[in-house]
Amino acid sequence: CEVRVISAHRTPEEAHEFASRAKDNGTEVIICAAG
């Protein structure tokens, strides 16, 4: 498990980078928690 804090609104660049690289980093499924 890779567990991260990434905000769609406060860190959009990090969210985009994380998602874009997830598959190449070996991730196979992503759970996203938000309120």
PDB file of all heavy atoms in Angstrom:
ATOM      1  N   CYS A   1       0.826  -1.209   0.000  1.00  0.00           N
ATOM      2  CA  CYS A   1       0.000   0.000   0.000  1.00  0.00           C
ATOM      3  C   CYS A   1       0.855   1.252   0.000  1.00  0.00           C
ATOM      4  O   CYS A   1       1.722   1.407   0.849  1.00  0.00           O
ATOM      5  CB  CYS A   1      -0.852   0.051   1.265  1.00  0.00           C
ATOM      6  SG  CYS A   1      -2.447  -0.628   1.066  1.00  0.00           S
ATOM      7  N   GLU A   2       0.562   2.116  -0.933  1.00  0.00           N
ATOM      8  CA  GLU A   2       1.126   3.463  -0.907  1.00  0.00           C
ATOM      9  C   GLU A   2       0.014   4.368  -0.388  1.00  0.00           C
ATOM     10  O   GLU A   2      -1.077   4.384  -0.949  1.00  0.00           O
ATOM     11  CB  GLU A   2       1.556   3.898  -2.310  1.00  0.00           C
ATOM     12  CG  GLU A   2       2.103   5.304  -2.354  1.00  0.00           C
ATOM     13  CD  GLU A   2       2.528   5.746  -3.748  1.00  0.00           C
ATOM     14  OE1 GLU A   2       2.342   4.980  -4.716  1.00  0.00           O
ATOM     15  OE2 GLU A   2       3.035   6.871  -3.857  1.00  0.00           O
ATOM     16  N   VAL A   3       0.269   5.089   0.669  1.00  0.00           N
ATOM     17  CA  VAL A   3      -0.745   5.949   1.283  1.00  0.00           C
ATOM     18  C   VAL A   3      -0.254   7.387   1.229  1.00  0.00           C
ATOM     19  O   VAL A   3       0.846   7.685   1.686  1.00  0.00           O
ATOM     20  CB  VAL A   3      -1.037   5.524   2.741  1.00  0.00           C
ATOM     21  CG1 VAL A   3      -2.136   6.373   3.344  1.00  0.00           C
ATOM     22  CG2 VAL A   3      -1.408   4.039   2.802  1.00  0.00           C
ATOM     23  N   ARG A   4      -1.099   8.256   0.648  1.00  0.00           N
ATOM     24  CA  ARG A   4      -0.683   9.645   0.422  1.00  0.00           C
ATOM     25  C   ARG A   4      -1.782  10.628   0.801  1.00  0.00           C
ATOM     26  O   ARG A   4      -2.960  10.283   0.791  1.00  0.00           O
ATOM     27  CB  ARG A   4      -0.376   9.858  -1.066  1.00  0.00           C
ATOM     28  CG  ARG A   4       0.724   8.992  -1.672  1.00  0.00           C
ATOM     29  CD  ARG A   4       2.106   9.493  -1.372  1.00  0.00           C
ATOM     30  NE  ARG A   4       2.294  10.886  -1.684  1.00  0.00           N
ATOM     31  CZ  ARG A   4       2.641  11.376  -2.872  1.00  0.00           C
ATOM     32  NH1 ARG A   4       2.859  10.552  -3.893  1.00  0.00           N
ATOM     33  NH2 ARG A   4       2.792  12.676  -3.052  1.00  0.00           N
ATOM     34  N   VAL A   5      -1.383  11.862   1.098  1.00  0.00           N
ATOM     35  CA  VAL A   5      -2.299  12.996   1.218  1.00  0.00           C
ATOM     36  C   VAL A   5      -2.050  13.873   0.000  1.00  0.00           C
ATOM     37  O   VAL A   5      -0.953  14.403  -0.176  1.00  0.00           O
ATOM     38  CB  VAL A   5      -2.064  13.808   2.508  1.00  0.00           C
ATOM     39  CG1 VAL A   5      -2.963  15.035   2.540  1.00  0.00           C
ATOM     40  CG2 VAL A   5      -2.281  12.958   3.749  1.00  0.00           C
ATOM     41  N   ILE A   6      -3.079  13.969  -0.847  1.00  0.00           N
ATOM     42  CA  ILE A   6      -2.997  14.786  -2.061  1.00  0.00           C
ATOM     43  C   ILE A   6      -4.362  15.430  -2.242  1.00  0.00           C
ATOM     44  O   ILE A   6      -5.379  14.743  -2.273  1.00  0.00           O
ATOM     45  CB  ILE A   6      -2.643  13.939  -3.304  1.00  0.00           C
ATOM     46  CG1 ILE A   6      -1.305  13.218  -3.130  1.00  0.00           C
ATOM     47  CG2 ILE A   6      -2.638  14.808  -4.556  1.00  0.00           C
ATOM     48  CD1 ILE A   6      -0.975  12.234  -4.238  1.00  0.00           C
ATOM     49  N   SER A   7      -4.386  16.721  -2.368  1.00  0.00           N
ATOM     50  CA  SER A   7      -5.651  17.430  -2.510  1.00  0.00           C
ATOM     51  C   SER A   7      -5.928  17.767  -3.968  1.00  0.00           C
ATOM     52  O   SER A   7      -5.057  18.309  -4.663  1.00  0.00           O
ATOM     53  CB  SER A   7      -5.621  18.714  -1.683  1.00  0.00           C
ATOM     54  OG  SER A   7      -6.745  19.511  -1.966  1.00  0.00           O
ATOM     55  N   ALA A   8      -7.146  17.484  -4.412  1.00  0.00           N
ATOM     56  CA  ALA A   8      -7.543  17.834  -5.780  1.00  0.00           C
ATOM     57  C   ALA A   8      -7.521  19.339  -5.993  1.00  0.00           C
ATOM     58  O   ALA A   8      -7.235  19.817  -7.094  1.00  0.00           O
ATOM     59  CB  ALA A   8      -8.938  17.296  -6.073  1.00  0.00           C
ATOM     60  N   HIS A   9      -7.788  20.090  -4.931  1.00  0.00           N
ATOM     61  CA  HIS A   9      -7.913  21.543  -5.048  1.00  0.00           C
ATOM     62  C   HIS A   9      -6.668  22.305  -4.592  1.00  0.00           C
ATOM     63  O   HIS A   9      -6.314  23.323  -5.183  1.00  0.00           O
ATOM     64  CB  HIS A   9      -9.117  22.033  -4.233  1.00  0.00           C
ATOM     65  CG  HIS A   9     -10.383  21.386  -4.659  1.00  0.00           C
ATOM     66  ND1 HIS A   9     -11.038  20.454  -3.885  1.00  0.00           N
ATOM     67  CD2 HIS A   9     -11.102  21.499  -5.792  1.00  0.00           C
ATOM     68  CE1 HIS A   9     -12.120  20.044  -4.514  1.00  0.00           C
ATOM     69  NE2 HIS A   9     -12.179  20.653  -5.683  1.00  0.00           N
ATOM     70  N   ARG A  10      -6.009  21.803  -3.562  1.00  0.00           N
ATOM     71  CA  ARG A  10      -4.857  22.525  -3.016  1.00  0.00           C
ATOM     72  C   ARG A  10      -3.523  22.084  -3.597  1.00  0.00           C
ATOM     73  O   ARG A  10      -2.554  22.832  -3.557  1.00  0.00           O
ATOM     74  CB  ARG A  10      -4.847  22.402  -1.491  1.00  0.00           C
ATOM     75  CG  ARG A  10      -6.062  23.093  -0.860  1.00  0.00           C
ATOM     76  CD  ARG A  10      -6.161  22.784   0.603  1.00  0.00           C
ATOM     77  NE  ARG A  10      -6.450  21.353   0.756  1.00  0.00           N
ATOM     78  CZ  ARG A  10      -7.287  20.844   1.638  1.00  0.00           C
ATOM     79  NH1 ARG A  10      -7.906  21.625   2.480  1.00  0.00           N
ATOM     80  NH2 ARG A  10      -7.494  19.553   1.710  1.00  0.00           N
ATOM     81  N   THR A  11      -3.480  20.866  -4.138  1.00  0.00           N
ATOM     82  CA  THR A  11      -2.250  20.383  -4.795  1.00  0.00           C
ATOM     83  C   THR A  11      -2.612  19.691  -6.110  1.00  0.00           C
ATOM     84  O   THR A  11      -2.326  18.504  -6.308  1.00  0.00           O
ATOM     85  CB  THR A  11      -1.458  19.422  -3.874  1.00  0.00           C
ATOM     86  OG1 THR A  11      -2.292  18.305  -3.529  1.00  0.00           O
ATOM     87  CG2 THR A  11      -0.960  20.115  -2.612  1.00  0.00           C
ATOM     88  N   PRO A  12      -3.229  20.408  -7.043  1.00  0.00           N
ATOM     89  CA  PRO A  12      -3.669  19.766  -8.286  1.00  0.00           C
ATOM     90  C   PRO A  12      -2.528  19.219  -9.136  1.00  0.00           C
ATOM     91  O   PRO A  12      -2.698  18.191  -9.805  1.00  0.00           O
ATOM     92  CB  PRO A  12      -4.429  20.877  -9.013  1.00  0.00           C
ATOM     93  CG  PRO A  12      -3.929  22.152  -8.428  1.00  0.00           C
ATOM     94  CD  PRO A  12      -3.564  21.833  -7.000  1.00  0.00           C
ATOM     95  N   GLU A  13      -1.390  19.875  -9.103  1.00  0.00           N
ATOM     96  CA  GLU A  13      -0.258  19.366  -9.897  1.00  0.00           C
ATOM     97  C   GLU A  13       0.202  18.016  -9.354  1.00  0.00           C
ATOM     98  O   GLU A  13       0.497  17.099 -10.126  1.00  0.00           O
ATOM     99  CB  GLU A  13       0.917  20.362  -9.897  1.00  0.00           C
ATOM    100  CG  GLU A  13       0.624  21.668 -10.606  1.00  0.00           C
ATOM    101  CD  GLU A  13      -0.059  22.715  -9.698  1.00  0.00           C
ATOM    102  OE1 GLU A  13      -0.238  22.462  -8.476  1.00  0.00           O
ATOM    103  OE2 GLU A  13      -0.429  23.772 -10.223  1.00  0.00           O
ATOM    104  N   GLU A  14       0.263  17.892  -8.032  1.00  0.00           N
ATOM    105  CA  GLU A  14       0.660  16.622  -7.423  1.00  0.00           C
ATOM    106  C   GLU A  14      -0.361  15.526  -7.728  1.00  0.00           C
ATOM    107  O   GLU A  14      -0.003  14.377  -7.975  1.00  0.00           O
ATOM    108  CB  GLU A  14       0.842  16.777  -5.910  1.00  0.00           C
ATOM    109  CG  GLU A  14       2.086  17.542  -5.498  1.00  0.00           C
ATOM    110  CD  GLU A  14       1.921  19.061  -5.508  1.00  0.00           C
ATOM    111  OE1 GLU A  14       0.924  19.588  -6.076  1.00  0.00           O
ATOM    112  OE2 GLU A  14       2.801  19.737  -4.950  1.00  0.00           O
ATOM    113  N   ALA A  15      -1.654  15.888  -7.717  1.00  0.00           N
ATOM    114  CA  ALA A  15      -2.704  14.909  -8.033  1.00  0.00           C
ATOM    115  C   ALA A  15      -2.538  14.397  -9.464  1.00  0.00           C
ATOM    116  O   ALA A  15      -2.599  13.186  -9.714  1.00  0.00           O
ATOM    117  CB  ALA A  15      -4.089  15.537  -7.845  1.00  0.00           C
ATOM    118  N   HIS A  16      -2.317  15.310 -10.387  1.00  0.00           N
ATOM    119  CA  HIS A  16      -2.124  14.930 -11.794  1.00  0.00           C
ATOM    120  C   HIS A  16      -0.887  14.054 -11.951  1.00  0.00           C
ATOM    121  O   HIS A  16      -0.930  13.010 -12.614  1.00  0.00           O
ATOM    122  CB  HIS A  16      -2.008  16.188 -12.661  1.00  0.00           C
ATOM    123  CG  HIS A  16      -1.780  15.878 -14.098  1.00  0.00           C
ATOM    124  ND1 HIS A  16      -0.514  15.744 -14.632  1.00  0.00           N
ATOM    125  CD2 HIS A  16      -2.649  15.640 -15.119  1.00  0.00           C
ATOM    126  CE1 HIS A  16      -0.610  15.452 -15.915  1.00  0.00           C
ATOM    127  NE2 HIS A  16      -1.894  15.381 -16.227  1.00  0.00           N
ATOM    128  N   GLU A  17       0.217  14.458 -11.345  1.00  0.00           N
ATOM    129  CA  GLU A  17       1.464  13.694 -11.451  1.00  0.00           C
ATOM    130  C   GLU A  17       1.307  12.307 -10.842  1.00  0.00           C
ATOM    131  O   GLU A  17       1.728  11.305 -11.435  1.00  0.00           O
ATOM    132  CB  GLU A  17       2.602  14.447 -10.771  1.00  0.00           C
ATOM    133  CG  GLU A  17       3.933  13.729 -10.876  1.00  0.00           C
ATOM    134  CD  GLU A  17       5.071  14.491 -10.213  1.00  0.00           C
ATOM    135  OE1 GLU A  17       4.974  15.720 -10.049  1.00  0.00           O
ATOM    136  OE2 GLU A  17       6.053  13.832  -9.847  1.00  0.00           O
ATOM    137  N   PHE A  18       0.700  12.237  -9.656  1.00  0.00           N
ATOM    138  CA  PHE A  18       0.489  10.939  -9.002  1.00  0.00           C
ATOM    139  C   PHE A  18      -0.317  10.004  -9.901  1.00  0.00           C
ATOM    140  O   PHE A  18       0.062   8.861 -10.140  1.00  0.00           O
ATOM    141  CB  PHE A  18      -0.218  11.121  -7.656  1.00  0.00           C
ATOM    142  CG  PHE A  18      -0.625   9.818  -7.042  1.00  0.00           C
ATOM    143  CD1 PHE A  18       0.284   9.070  -6.321  1.00  0.00           C
ATOM    144  CD2 PHE A  18      -1.906   9.323  -7.223  1.00  0.00           C
ATOM    145  CE1 PHE A  18      -0.087   7.837  -5.777  1.00  0.00           C
ATOM    146  CE2 PHE A  18      -2.285   8.103  -6.689  1.00  0.00           C
ATOM    147  CZ  PHE A  18      -1.372   7.361  -5.965  1.00  0.00           C
ATOM    148  N   ALA A  19      -1.458  10.484 -10.386  1.00  0.00           N
ATOM    149  CA  ALA A  19      -2.333   9.659 -11.211  1.00  0.00           C
ATOM    150  C   ALA A  19      -1.651   9.246 -12.511  1.00  0.00           C
ATOM    151  O   ALA A  19      -1.758   8.087 -12.940  1.00  0.00           O
ATOM    152  CB  ALA A  19      -3.627  10.411 -11.512  1.00  0.00           C
ATOM    153  N   SER A  20      -0.947  10.164 -13.134  1.00  0.00           N
ATOM    154  CA  SER A  20      -0.280   9.891 -14.407  1.00  0.00           C
ATOM    155  C   SER A  20       0.811   8.837 -14.276  1.00  0.00           C
ATOM    156  O   SER A  20       1.072   8.092 -15.222  1.00  0.00           O
ATOM    157  CB  SER A  20       0.328  11.180 -14.969  1.00  0.00           C
ATOM    158  OG  SER A  20      -0.680  12.122 -15.219  1.00  0.00           O
ATOM    159  N   ARG A  21       1.432   8.758 -13.111  1.00  0.00           N
ATOM    160  CA  ARG A  21       2.550   7.829 -12.909  1.00  0.00           C
ATOM    161  C   ARG A  21       2.169   6.562 -12.152  1.00  0.00           C
ATOM    162  O   ARG A  21       2.995   5.664 -12.010  1.00  0.00           O
ATOM    163  CB  ARG A  21       3.675   8.541 -12.168  1.00  0.00           C
ATOM    164  CG  ARG A  21       4.289   9.653 -12.981  1.00  0.00           C
ATOM    165  CD  ARG A  21       5.464  10.259 -12.285  1.00  0.00           C
ATOM    166  NE  ARG A  21       6.010  11.332 -13.110  1.00  0.00           N
ATOM    167  CZ  ARG A  21       7.070  12.024 -12.784  1.00  0.00           C
ATOM    168  NH1 ARG A  21       7.699  11.782 -11.664  1.00  0.00           N
ATOM    169  NH2 ARG A  21       7.504  12.979 -13.589  1.00  0.00           N
ATOM    170  N   ALA A  22       0.952   6.484 -11.654  1.00  0.00           N
ATOM    171  CA  ALA A  22       0.554   5.371 -10.789  1.00  0.00           C
ATOM    172  C   ALA A  22       0.773   4.011 -11.442  1.00  0.00           C
ATOM    173  O   ALA A  22       1.352   3.108 -10.831  1.00  0.00           O
ATOM    174  CB  ALA A  22      -0.900   5.537 -10.353  1.00  0.00           C
ATOM    175  N   LYS A  23       0.311   3.848 -12.653  1.00  0.00           N
ATOM    176  CA  LYS A  23       0.444   2.555 -13.332  1.00  0.00           C
ATOM    177  C   LYS A  23       1.910   2.184 -13.523  1.00  0.00           C
ATOM    178  O   LYS A  23       2.303   1.038 -13.271  1.00  0.00           O
ATOM    179  CB  LYS A  23      -0.291   2.588 -14.673  1.00  0.00           C
ATOM    180  CG  LYS A  23      -0.453   1.235 -15.311  1.00  0.00           C
ATOM    181  CD  LYS A  23      -1.370   1.321 -16.514  1.00  0.00           C
ATOM    182  CE  LYS A  23      -1.651  -0.056 -17.061  1.00  0.00           C
ATOM    183  NZ  LYS A  23      -2.588  -0.012 -18.181  1.00  0.00           N
ATOM    184  N   ASP A  24       2.722   3.135 -13.951  1.00  0.00           N
ATOM    185  CA  ASP A  24       4.160   2.876 -14.127  1.00  0.00           C
ATOM    186  C   ASP A  24       4.847   2.555 -12.805  1.00  0.00           C
ATOM    187  O   ASP A  24       5.868   1.868 -12.795  1.00  0.00           O
ATOM    188  CB  ASP A  24       4.851   4.081 -14.780  1.00  0.00           C
ATOM    189  CG  ASP A  24       4.445   4.268 -16.236  1.00  0.00           C
ATOM    190  OD1 ASP A  24       3.977   3.293 -16.860  1.00  0.00           O
ATOM    191  OD2 ASP A  24       4.579   5.399 -16.740  1.00  0.00           O
ATOM    192  N   ASN A  25       4.284   3.036 -11.695  1.00  0.00           N
ATOM    193  CA  ASN A  25       4.839   2.757 -10.364  1.00  0.00           C
ATOM    194  C   ASN A  25       4.354   1.429  -9.800  1.00  0.00           C
ATOM    195  O   ASN A  25       4.654   1.097  -8.657  1.00  0.00           O
ATOM    196  CB  ASN A  25       4.502   3.890  -9.395  1.00  0.00           C
ATOM    197  CG  ASN A  25       5.270   5.151  -9.710  1.00  0.00           C
ATOM    198  OD1 ASN A  25       6.337   5.111 -10.324  1.00  0.00           O
ATOM    199  ND2 ASN A  25       4.731   6.292  -9.305  1.00  0.00           N
ATOM    200  N   GLY A  26       3.583   0.675 -10.588  1.00  0.00           N
ATOM    201  CA  GLY A  26       3.141  -0.648 -10.163  1.00  0.00           C
ATOM    202  C   GLY A  26       1.787  -0.681  -9.469  1.00  0.00           C
ATOM    203  O   GLY A  26       1.316  -1.748  -9.084  1.00  0.00           O
ATOM    204  N   THR A  27       1.164   0.458  -9.306  1.00  0.00           N
ATOM    205  CA  THR A  27      -0.154   0.501  -8.673  1.00  0.00           C
ATOM    206  C   THR A  27      -1.176  -0.144  -9.607  1.00  0.00           C
ATOM    207  O   THR A  27      -1.121   0.044 -10.825  1.00  0.00           O
ATOM    208  CB  THR A  27      -0.553   1.959  -8.372  1.00  0.00           C
ATOM    209  OG1 THR A  27       0.417   2.510  -7.479  1.00  0.00           O
ATOM    210  CG2 THR A  27      -1.921   2.054  -7.748  1.00  0.00           C
ATOM    211  N   GLU A  28      -2.113  -0.906  -9.013  1.00  0.00           N
ATOM    212  CA  GLU A  28      -3.117  -1.601  -9.817  1.00  0.00           C
ATOM    213  C   GLU A  28      -4.545  -1.147  -9.524  1.00  0.00           C
ATOM    214  O   GLU A  28      -5.447  -1.409 -10.317  1.00  0.00           O
ATOM    215  CB  GLU A  28      -2.977  -3.105  -9.601  1.00  0.00           C
ATOM    216  CG  GLU A  28      -1.629  -3.609 -10.102  1.00  0.00           C
ATOM    217  CD  GLU A  28      -1.327  -5.021  -9.678  1.00  0.00           C
ATOM    218  OE1 GLU A  28      -0.976  -5.224  -8.494  1.00  0.00           O
ATOM    219  OE2 GLU A  28      -1.453  -5.926 -10.525  1.00  0.00           O
ATOM    220  N   VAL A  29      -4.750  -0.499  -8.417  1.00  0.00           N
ATOM    221  CA  VAL A  29      -6.061   0.037  -8.043  1.00  0.00           C
ATOM    222  C   VAL A  29      -5.824   1.198  -7.073  1.00  0.00           C
ATOM    223  O   VAL A  29      -4.871   1.173  -6.293  1.00  0.00           O
ATOM    224  CB  VAL A  29      -6.979  -1.052  -7.436  1.00  0.00           C
ATOM    225  CG1 VAL A  29      -6.402  -1.628  -6.158  1.00  0.00           C
ATOM    226  CG2 VAL A  29      -8.388  -0.543  -7.215  1.00  0.00           C
ATOM    227  N   ILE A  30      -6.688   2.212  -7.146  1.00  0.00           N
ATOM    228  CA  ILE A  30      -6.518   3.407  -6.307  1.00  0.00           C
ATOM    229  C   ILE A  30      -7.805   3.675  -5.545  1.00  0.00           C
ATOM    230  O   ILE A  30      -8.889   3.710  -6.138  1.00  0.00           O
ATOM    231  CB  ILE A  30      -6.165   4.644  -7.159  1.00  0.00           C
ATOM    232  CG1 ILE A  30      -4.898   4.394  -7.987  1.00  0.00           C
ATOM    233  CG2 ILE A  30      -5.993   5.881  -6.268  1.00  0.00           C
ATOM    234  CD1 ILE A  30      -4.621   5.470  -9.037  1.00  0.00           C
ATOM    235  N   ILE A  31      -7.680   3.875  -4.244  1.00  0.00           N
ATOM    236  CA  ILE A  31      -8.794   4.309  -3.406  1.00  0.00           C
ATOM    237  C   ILE A  31      -8.571   5.783  -3.114  1.00  0.00           C
ATOM    238  O   ILE A  31      -7.482   6.183  -2.699  1.00  0.00           O
ATOM    239  CB  ILE A  31      -8.847   3.518  -2.082  1.00  0.00           C
ATOM    240  CG1 ILE A  31      -9.112   2.038  -2.357  1.00  0.00           C
ATOM    241  CG2 ILE A  31      -9.910   4.111  -1.138  1.00  0.00           C
ATOM    242  CD1 ILE A  31      -8.962   1.142  -1.142  1.00  0.00           C
ATOM    243  N   CYS A  32      -9.614   6.594  -3.320  1.00  0.00           N
ATOM    244  CA  CYS A  32      -9.521   8.032  -3.072  1.00  0.00           C
ATOM    245  C   CYS A  32     -10.575   8.444  -2.057  1.00  0.00           C
ATOM    246  O   CYS A  32     -11.777   8.307  -2.309  1.00  0.00           O
ATOM    247  CB  CYS A  32      -9.744   8.818  -4.356  1.00  0.00           C
ATOM    248  SG  CYS A  32      -8.458   8.576  -5.580  1.00  0.00           S
ATOM    249  N   ALA A  33     -10.144   8.949  -0.913  1.00  0.00           N
ATOM    250  CA  ALA A  33     -11.054   9.404   0.129  1.00  0.00           C
ATOM    251  C   ALA A  33     -11.085  10.920   0.148  1.00  0.00           C
ATOM    252  O   ALA A  33     -10.041  11.569   0.104  1.00  0.00           O
ATOM    253  CB  ALA A  33     -10.609   8.886   1.492  1.00  0.00           C
ATOM    254  N   ALA A  34     -12.299  11.467   0.193  1.00  0.00           N
ATOM    255  CA  ALA A  34     -12.425  12.918   0.242  1.00  0.00           C
ATOM    256  C   ALA A  34     -13.784  13.296   0.809  1.00  0.00           C
ATOM    257  O   ALA A  34     -14.750  12.542   0.702  1.00  0.00           O
ATOM    258  CB  ALA A  34     -12.251  13.518  -1.157  1.00  0.00           C
ATOM    259  N   GLY A  35     -13.832  14.471   1.392  1.00  0.00           N
ATOM    260  CA  GLY A  35     -15.077  15.004   1.925  1.00  0.00           C
ATOM    261  C   GLY A  35     -15.454  16.283   1.212  1.00  0.00           C
ATOM    262  O   GLY A  35     -14.711  16.802   0.376  1.00  0.00           O
TER     263      GLY A  35
END
